[in-house]
Amino acid sequence: MRRQCQLLGLGRSSLYYEAAAETADNLRLMRLLDQEYTAHPFLGSRRLTAWLIQQGEAVNRKRVQRLLRLMGLEAIYPKPKLSAARAGHRLYPYLLRNVRIQRPDQVWSTDITYVPLACGFMYLAAIIDWFSRYVLAWRLSNTLDGSFCLEMLEEALRRGRPEVFNTDQGVQFTAQAWTGRLESAGVAVSMDGKGRCLDNVFVERLWRSVKYEDIYLWRYEGVPELRQGLGRYFAYYNEERLHQALDYQTPAVVYQQGQAGGRSAG
């Protein structure tokens, strides 16, 4: 059990910990914070606190900071010691500086976002191909442990293999289980570093689309409905949604054409 927790980047004490449910008032505040943060991801806890007060909410910054930590949110801007190492984990250099993205499976990346429900919340992770914006795999979880990310990674690797996989320095992605799996597949590991606040911009844009085009519209009651709804949305996103940056083609068409072209060239 100790070794499994080490590989997943999970503290043994947290394995048996059951978090107390958030109050209805906190869940409501978290939904408000999520919507404002999604619209303006550069806002930090001070301005988000001020914004909530303007909306008539009786909150202080300490409470807002706690909720933001629970949601896994922080303002997108360069911060001191952004690349500070986590104890016991190897950190990898950022490999994509001045690199032109020219083909599918050149670079993949992933991230995790908070998803509100009527009476709770979940975490959503997705892997996206930078060139085509194609979503290769996604997973939902009610915790931030690394196991659901590893399941997602395995599904994506069954579709193909990137040359470089870029992530932030979150504990899920610095864990040996994650980096070791990528290295065993012959994938170069890249990690956002100090001052690299927009390295995962493609995933950030994906979260904005998912939330404004699906989650905020449907206001899912529970996990089964959320899972079904996201399944429909990601199918639409990949197969039907036209992207201006892709000359109004779908991610699936660009990804598949690029793969076919790569096989022909090979």
Protein backbone atom coordinates (compact mmCIF):
# COMPACT_ATOMS: atom_id res chain seq x y z
CA MET A 1 0.00 0.00 0.00
CA ARG A 2 2.89 2.36 0.81
CA ARG A 3 4.45 1.74 -2.61
CA GLN A 4 1.14 2.20 -4.44
CA CYS A 5 0.54 5.53 -2.72
CA GLN A 6 4.08 6.63 -3.58
CA LEU A 7 3.60 5.80 -7.26
CA LEU A 8 0.28 7.67 -7.39
CA GLY A 9 1.62 10.69 -5.51
CA LEU A 10 -0.96 10.11 -2.78
CA GLY A 11 -0.35 10.44 0.95
CA ARG A 12 -1.22 7.26 2.89
CA SER A 13 -3.27 9.22 5.39
CA SER A 14 -5.43 10.62 2.60
CA LEU A 15 -6.20 7.11 1.38
CA TYR A 16 -8.49 6.56 4.34
CA TYR A 17 -9.69 10.13 4.66
CA GLU A 18 -13.28 10.92 3.80
CA ALA A 19 -13.83 14.63 3.28
CA ALA A 20 -16.81 16.25 4.90
CA ALA A 21 -19.40 17.39 2.39
CA GLU A 22 -19.34 21.08 1.56
CA THR A 23 -22.30 23.14 2.69
CA ALA A 24 -24.90 24.25 0.16
CA ASP A 25 -23.68 27.83 0.66
CA ASN A 26 -20.08 26.90 -0.18
CA LEU A 27 -21.19 24.91 -3.24
CA ARG A 28 -23.08 27.96 -4.44
CA LEU A 29 -20.02 30.16 -3.95
CA MET A 30 -17.85 27.62 -5.76
CA ARG A 31 -20.18 27.68 -8.76
CA LEU A 32 -19.96 31.49 -8.83
CA LEU A 33 -16.17 31.39 -8.54
CA ASP A 34 -15.89 28.80 -11.29
CA GLN A 35 -17.93 30.88 -13.71
CA GLU A 36 -16.03 34.09 -12.99
CA TYR A 37 -12.66 32.34 -13.13
CA THR A 38 -13.51 30.64 -16.41
CA ALA A 39 -14.41 34.03 -17.90
CA HIS A 40 -11.36 35.80 -16.38
CA PRO A 41 -8.66 33.25 -15.43
CA PHE A 42 -6.19 36.00 -14.54
CA LEU A 43 -8.14 36.95 -11.40
CA GLY A 44 -6.56 36.06 -8.07
CA SER A 45 -8.15 35.56 -4.66
CA ARG A 46 -8.16 39.29 -3.78
CA ARG A 47 -10.14 40.37 -6.82
CA LEU A 48 -12.40 37.33 -6.72
CA THR A 49 -13.21 38.16 -3.11
CA ALA A 50 -13.97 41.75 -4.06
CA TRP A 51 -16.13 40.52 -6.97
CA LEU A 52 -18.16 38.23 -4.68
CA ILE A 53 -18.71 41.08 -2.22
CA GLN A 54 -19.98 43.22 -5.11
CA GLN A 55 -22.47 40.44 -5.86
CA GLY A 56 -23.78 40.77 -2.32
CA GLU A 57 -21.94 37.77 -0.81
CA ALA A 58 -20.63 38.00 2.77
CA VAL A 59 -17.18 36.42 2.30
CA ASN A 60 -13.60 37.11 3.27
CA ARG A 61 -10.41 36.34 1.38
CA LYS A 62 -9.46 33.40 3.62
CA ARG A 63 -12.68 31.60 2.75
CA VAL A 64 -12.26 32.31 -0.95
CA GLN A 65 -8.68 31.03 -0.86
CA ARG A 66 -9.80 27.76 0.75
CA LEU A 67 -12.50 27.22 -1.87
CA LEU A 68 -10.09 28.00 -4.71
CA ARG A 69 -7.60 25.45 -3.33
CA LEU A 70 -10.38 22.87 -3.14
CA MET A 71 -11.30 23.61 -6.74
CA GLY A 72 -7.68 23.47 -7.89
CA LEU A 73 -7.77 27.02 -9.25
CA GLU A 74 -5.14 29.72 -9.30
CA ALA A 75 -4.73 32.86 -11.36
CA ILE A 76 -2.94 32.46 -14.70
CA TYR A 77 0.06 34.76 -14.51
CA PRO A 78 3.80 34.37 -13.93
CA LYS A 79 4.52 33.93 -10.23
CA PRO A 80 7.76 33.64 -8.22
CA LYS A 81 8.89 30.05 -7.61
CA LEU A 82 6.25 28.70 -9.97
CA SER A 83 8.62 25.88 -10.86
CA ALA A 84 9.66 25.01 -7.30
CA ALA A 85 10.25 21.28 -7.01
CA ARG A 86 7.91 19.04 -5.07
CA ALA A 87 9.74 16.89 -2.56
CA GLY A 88 10.66 13.46 -3.88
CA HIS A 89 9.66 14.13 -7.47
CA ARG A 90 11.87 14.66 -10.50
CA LEU A 91 11.04 17.76 -12.52
CA TYR A 92 11.44 17.83 -16.29
CA PRO A 93 12.43 20.79 -18.50
CA TYR A 94 10.02 22.65 -20.75
CA LEU A 95 10.73 21.32 -24.25
CA LEU A 96 8.45 23.46 -26.41
CA ARG A 97 10.06 26.89 -26.39
CA ASN A 98 9.99 28.25 -29.97
CA VAL A 99 8.82 24.86 -31.31
CA ARG A 100 6.41 25.00 -34.27
CA ILE A 101 3.47 22.63 -33.95
CA GLN A 102 3.11 21.14 -37.43
CA ARG A 103 1.46 17.71 -37.16
CA PRO A 104 -0.83 15.54 -35.04
CA ASP A 105 0.79 13.52 -32.25
CA GLN A 106 3.67 15.97 -32.08
CA VAL A 107 2.54 17.38 -28.72
CA TRP A 108 -0.18 16.28 -26.30
CA SER A 109 -1.08 17.95 -23.03
CA THR A 110 -3.51 17.53 -20.16
CA ASP A 111 -5.02 19.37 -17.23
CA ILE A 112 -7.72 19.02 -14.56
CA THR A 113 -10.67 21.34 -13.98
CA TYR A 114 -13.46 21.71 -11.43
CA VAL A 115 -16.98 20.84 -12.58
CA PRO A 116 -20.02 22.02 -10.54
CA LEU A 117 -23.08 19.85 -9.95
CA ALA A 118 -26.43 20.75 -8.42
CA CYS A 119 -25.46 19.16 -5.09
CA GLY A 120 -21.70 18.70 -5.27
CA PHE A 121 -18.82 18.78 -7.73
CA MET A 122 -16.43 16.59 -9.70
CA TYR A 123 -13.02 16.96 -11.33
CA LEU A 124 -12.60 16.57 -15.09
CA ALA A 125 -9.34 15.71 -16.86
CA ALA A 126 -8.71 15.56 -20.59
CA ILE A 127 -5.84 14.93 -22.99
CA ILE A 128 -5.71 17.10 -26.11
CA ASP A 129 -3.58 17.02 -29.25
CA TRP A 130 -2.12 20.48 -29.78
CA PHE A 131 -2.13 20.49 -33.58
CA SER A 132 -5.71 19.32 -34.18
CA ARG A 133 -7.33 20.23 -30.81
CA TYR A 134 -8.62 16.63 -30.81
CA VAL A 135 -9.62 15.30 -27.37
CA LEU A 136 -8.01 11.87 -27.15
CA ALA A 137 -9.41 10.82 -23.76
CA TRP A 138 -11.16 12.23 -20.70
CA ARG A 139 -12.08 11.10 -17.20
CA LEU A 140 -14.19 12.24 -14.24
CA SER A 141 -13.23 11.79 -10.59
CA ASN A 142 -14.50 12.92 -7.18
CA THR A 143 -10.92 13.24 -5.86
CA LEU A 144 -7.63 14.62 -7.12
CA ASP A 145 -5.64 11.40 -6.71
CA GLY A 146 -3.69 10.29 -9.76
CA SER A 147 -5.44 7.02 -10.61
CA PHE A 148 -8.08 8.50 -12.92
CA CYS A 149 -5.38 10.39 -14.81
CA LEU A 150 -3.47 7.16 -15.39
CA GLU A 151 -6.60 5.44 -16.73
CA MET A 152 -7.07 8.37 -19.11
CA LEU A 153 -3.44 8.19 -20.23
CA GLU A 154 -3.73 4.47 -21.02
CA GLU A 155 -6.79 5.11 -23.17
CA ALA A 156 -5.02 7.89 -25.07
CA LEU A 157 -1.91 5.77 -25.69
CA ARG A 158 -4.08 3.10 -27.29
CA ARG A 159 -4.95 5.72 -29.96
CA GLY A 160 -1.42 6.82 -30.67
CA ARG A 161 1.81 8.13 -29.16
CA PRO A 162 2.99 11.74 -29.00
CA GLU A 163 6.56 12.87 -29.42
CA VAL A 164 6.21 15.21 -26.42
CA PHE A 165 3.70 15.25 -23.56
CA ASN A 166 3.42 18.60 -21.75
CA THR A 167 1.85 19.10 -18.30
CA ASP A 168 2.01 21.45 -15.37
CA GLN A 169 3.84 20.41 -12.21
CA GLY A 170 0.79 19.07 -10.42
CA VAL A 171 1.33 16.08 -8.18
CA GLN A 172 -0.67 13.85 -10.52
CA PHE A 173 1.78 14.56 -13.36
CA THR A 174 5.05 14.52 -11.41
CA ALA A 175 4.27 11.11 -9.87
CA GLN A 176 6.53 8.25 -10.96
CA ALA A 177 3.54 6.27 -12.22
CA TRP A 178 2.72 9.03 -14.75
CA THR A 179 6.21 10.02 -15.92
CA GLY A 180 7.40 6.42 -15.91
CA ARG A 181 4.52 5.33 -18.13
CA LEU A 182 5.31 8.07 -20.65
CA GLU A 183 9.00 7.26 -20.69
CA SER A 184 8.30 3.56 -21.13
CA ALA A 185 6.25 4.47 -24.20
CA GLY A 186 9.14 6.49 -25.62
CA VAL A 187 7.49 9.86 -25.01
CA ALA A 188 9.51 12.93 -24.02
CA VAL A 189 8.14 14.53 -20.84
CA SER A 190 7.83 18.33 -20.80
CA MET A 191 6.69 20.41 -17.83
CA ASP A 192 5.64 24.04 -17.53
CA GLY A 193 8.31 26.06 -15.80
CA LYS A 194 8.80 29.40 -14.13
CA GLY A 195 7.04 32.16 -16.02
CA ARG A 196 5.35 29.72 -18.40
CA CYS A 197 1.82 30.71 -17.47
CA LEU A 198 0.24 29.92 -20.85
CA ASP A 199 1.98 26.66 -21.77
CA ASN A 200 -1.30 24.74 -21.50
CA VAL A 201 -3.38 27.37 -23.28
CA PHE A 202 -5.05 24.81 -25.58
CA VAL A 203 -6.46 22.92 -22.59
CA GLU A 204 -7.58 26.18 -20.97
CA ARG A 205 -9.49 27.05 -24.14
CA LEU A 206 -11.03 23.57 -24.11
CA TRP A 207 -12.30 24.07 -20.54
CA ARG A 208 -13.89 27.36 -21.51
CA SER A 209 -15.71 25.70 -24.42
CA VAL A 210 -16.85 22.71 -22.33
CA LYS A 211 -18.23 24.89 -19.56
CA TYR A 212 -19.94 27.60 -21.60
CA GLU A 213 -21.27 25.29 -24.30
CA ASP A 214 -22.36 22.41 -22.07
CA ILE A 215 -21.93 22.40 -18.28
CA TYR A 216 -23.32 25.85 -17.49
CA LEU A 217 -26.20 25.35 -19.92
CA TRP A 218 -27.38 21.97 -18.63
CA ARG A 219 -26.61 22.34 -14.90
CA TYR A 220 -26.31 18.59 -14.35
CA GLU A 221 -27.94 17.16 -11.23
CA GLY A 222 -25.68 14.15 -10.66
CA VAL A 223 -22.66 12.20 -11.90
CA PRO A 224 -24.53 9.83 -14.31
CA GLU A 225 -26.13 12.79 -16.08
CA LEU A 226 -22.81 14.65 -16.15
CA ARG A 227 -20.97 11.64 -17.59
CA GLN A 228 -23.58 11.14 -20.31
CA GLY A 229 -23.67 14.83 -21.12
CA LEU A 230 -19.91 15.13 -21.42
CA GLY A 231 -19.83 12.03 -23.59
CA ARG A 232 -22.24 13.73 -25.99
CA TYR A 233 -20.34 17.03 -25.84
CA PHE A 234 -16.87 15.59 -26.51
CA ALA A 235 -18.28 13.59 -29.45
CA TYR A 236 -19.74 16.85 -30.80
CA TYR A 237 -16.52 18.76 -30.06
CA ASN A 238 -14.36 16.24 -31.93
CA GLU A 239 -16.66 15.27 -34.79
CA GLU A 240 -18.93 18.25 -35.49
CA ARG A 241 -17.74 21.50 -33.93
CA LEU A 242 -15.98 23.66 -36.54
CA HIS A 243 -12.87 25.50 -35.31
CA GLN A 244 -11.86 28.82 -36.81
CA ALA A 245 -8.20 28.09 -36.03
CA LEU A 246 -8.52 24.88 -38.09
CA ASP A 247 -9.95 26.68 -41.15
CA TYR A 248 -13.43 25.65 -40.03
CA GLN A 249 -12.67 21.95 -39.98
CA THR A 250 -13.36 19.60 -37.07
CA PRO A 251 -10.61 18.28 -34.79
CA ALA A 252 -11.36 14.71 -35.91
CA VAL A 253 -10.85 15.55 -39.59
CA VAL A 254 -7.58 17.39 -38.95
CA TYR A 255 -6.28 14.68 -36.61
CA GLN A 256 -7.17 11.80 -38.93
CA GLN A 257 -5.88 13.53 -42.06
CA GLY A 258 -2.63 14.33 -40.31
CA GLN A 259 -2.19 10.75 -39.16
CA ALA A 260 -2.95 9.44 -42.66
CA GLY A 261 -0.46 11.90 -44.16
CA GLY A 262 2.18 10.81 -41.66
CA ARG A 263 1.69 7.14 -42.54
CA SER A 264 1.91 7.93 -46.28
CA ALA A 265 5.14 9.89 -45.77
CA GLY A 266 6.54 7.01 -43.73
